[in-house]
């Protein structure tokens, strides 16, 4: 679990007071769930499920990236999270699915799509798209 602890430390450092970071440890399965709720309500929430692999959930629709603990994947996770913290994330809804598009620091786009029941769209108030803002509630973006 030392790799998990290292990842959690990096997450807390990245959000640095701009979000509430809560850790939930499972007693059934060796895993940690980390919920990251930004102080700014217009910013995007993140959840990390750390067990045998790392599952990074971004946005309200449950879009996810599944990664290992090797340094390349952890680096990708941190790049995606940094982009989310900086507000470079957009969530899209359609019948039966949702997707999250994250623009990384080098301009590339990483996208995750999740299938959803048709009734789920009505829960999202029929919005087709949502853009999130940066984590800092009053920061000015350059």
Foldseek 3Di string as FASTA:
>chain_A
DVLVVVLVVLVCVLCVPQWDWDWDADPVAGWIKIWTGGPANLAKIWIWIDHQWIWIAIHDFRFIDTGHSDPVRSVVVVQQVNQSQQQQKKKFDDQQKIKMWGQGPVRDIDMTMDGDHRVVCVVVVVDGMGGGHHSHNDDDDD
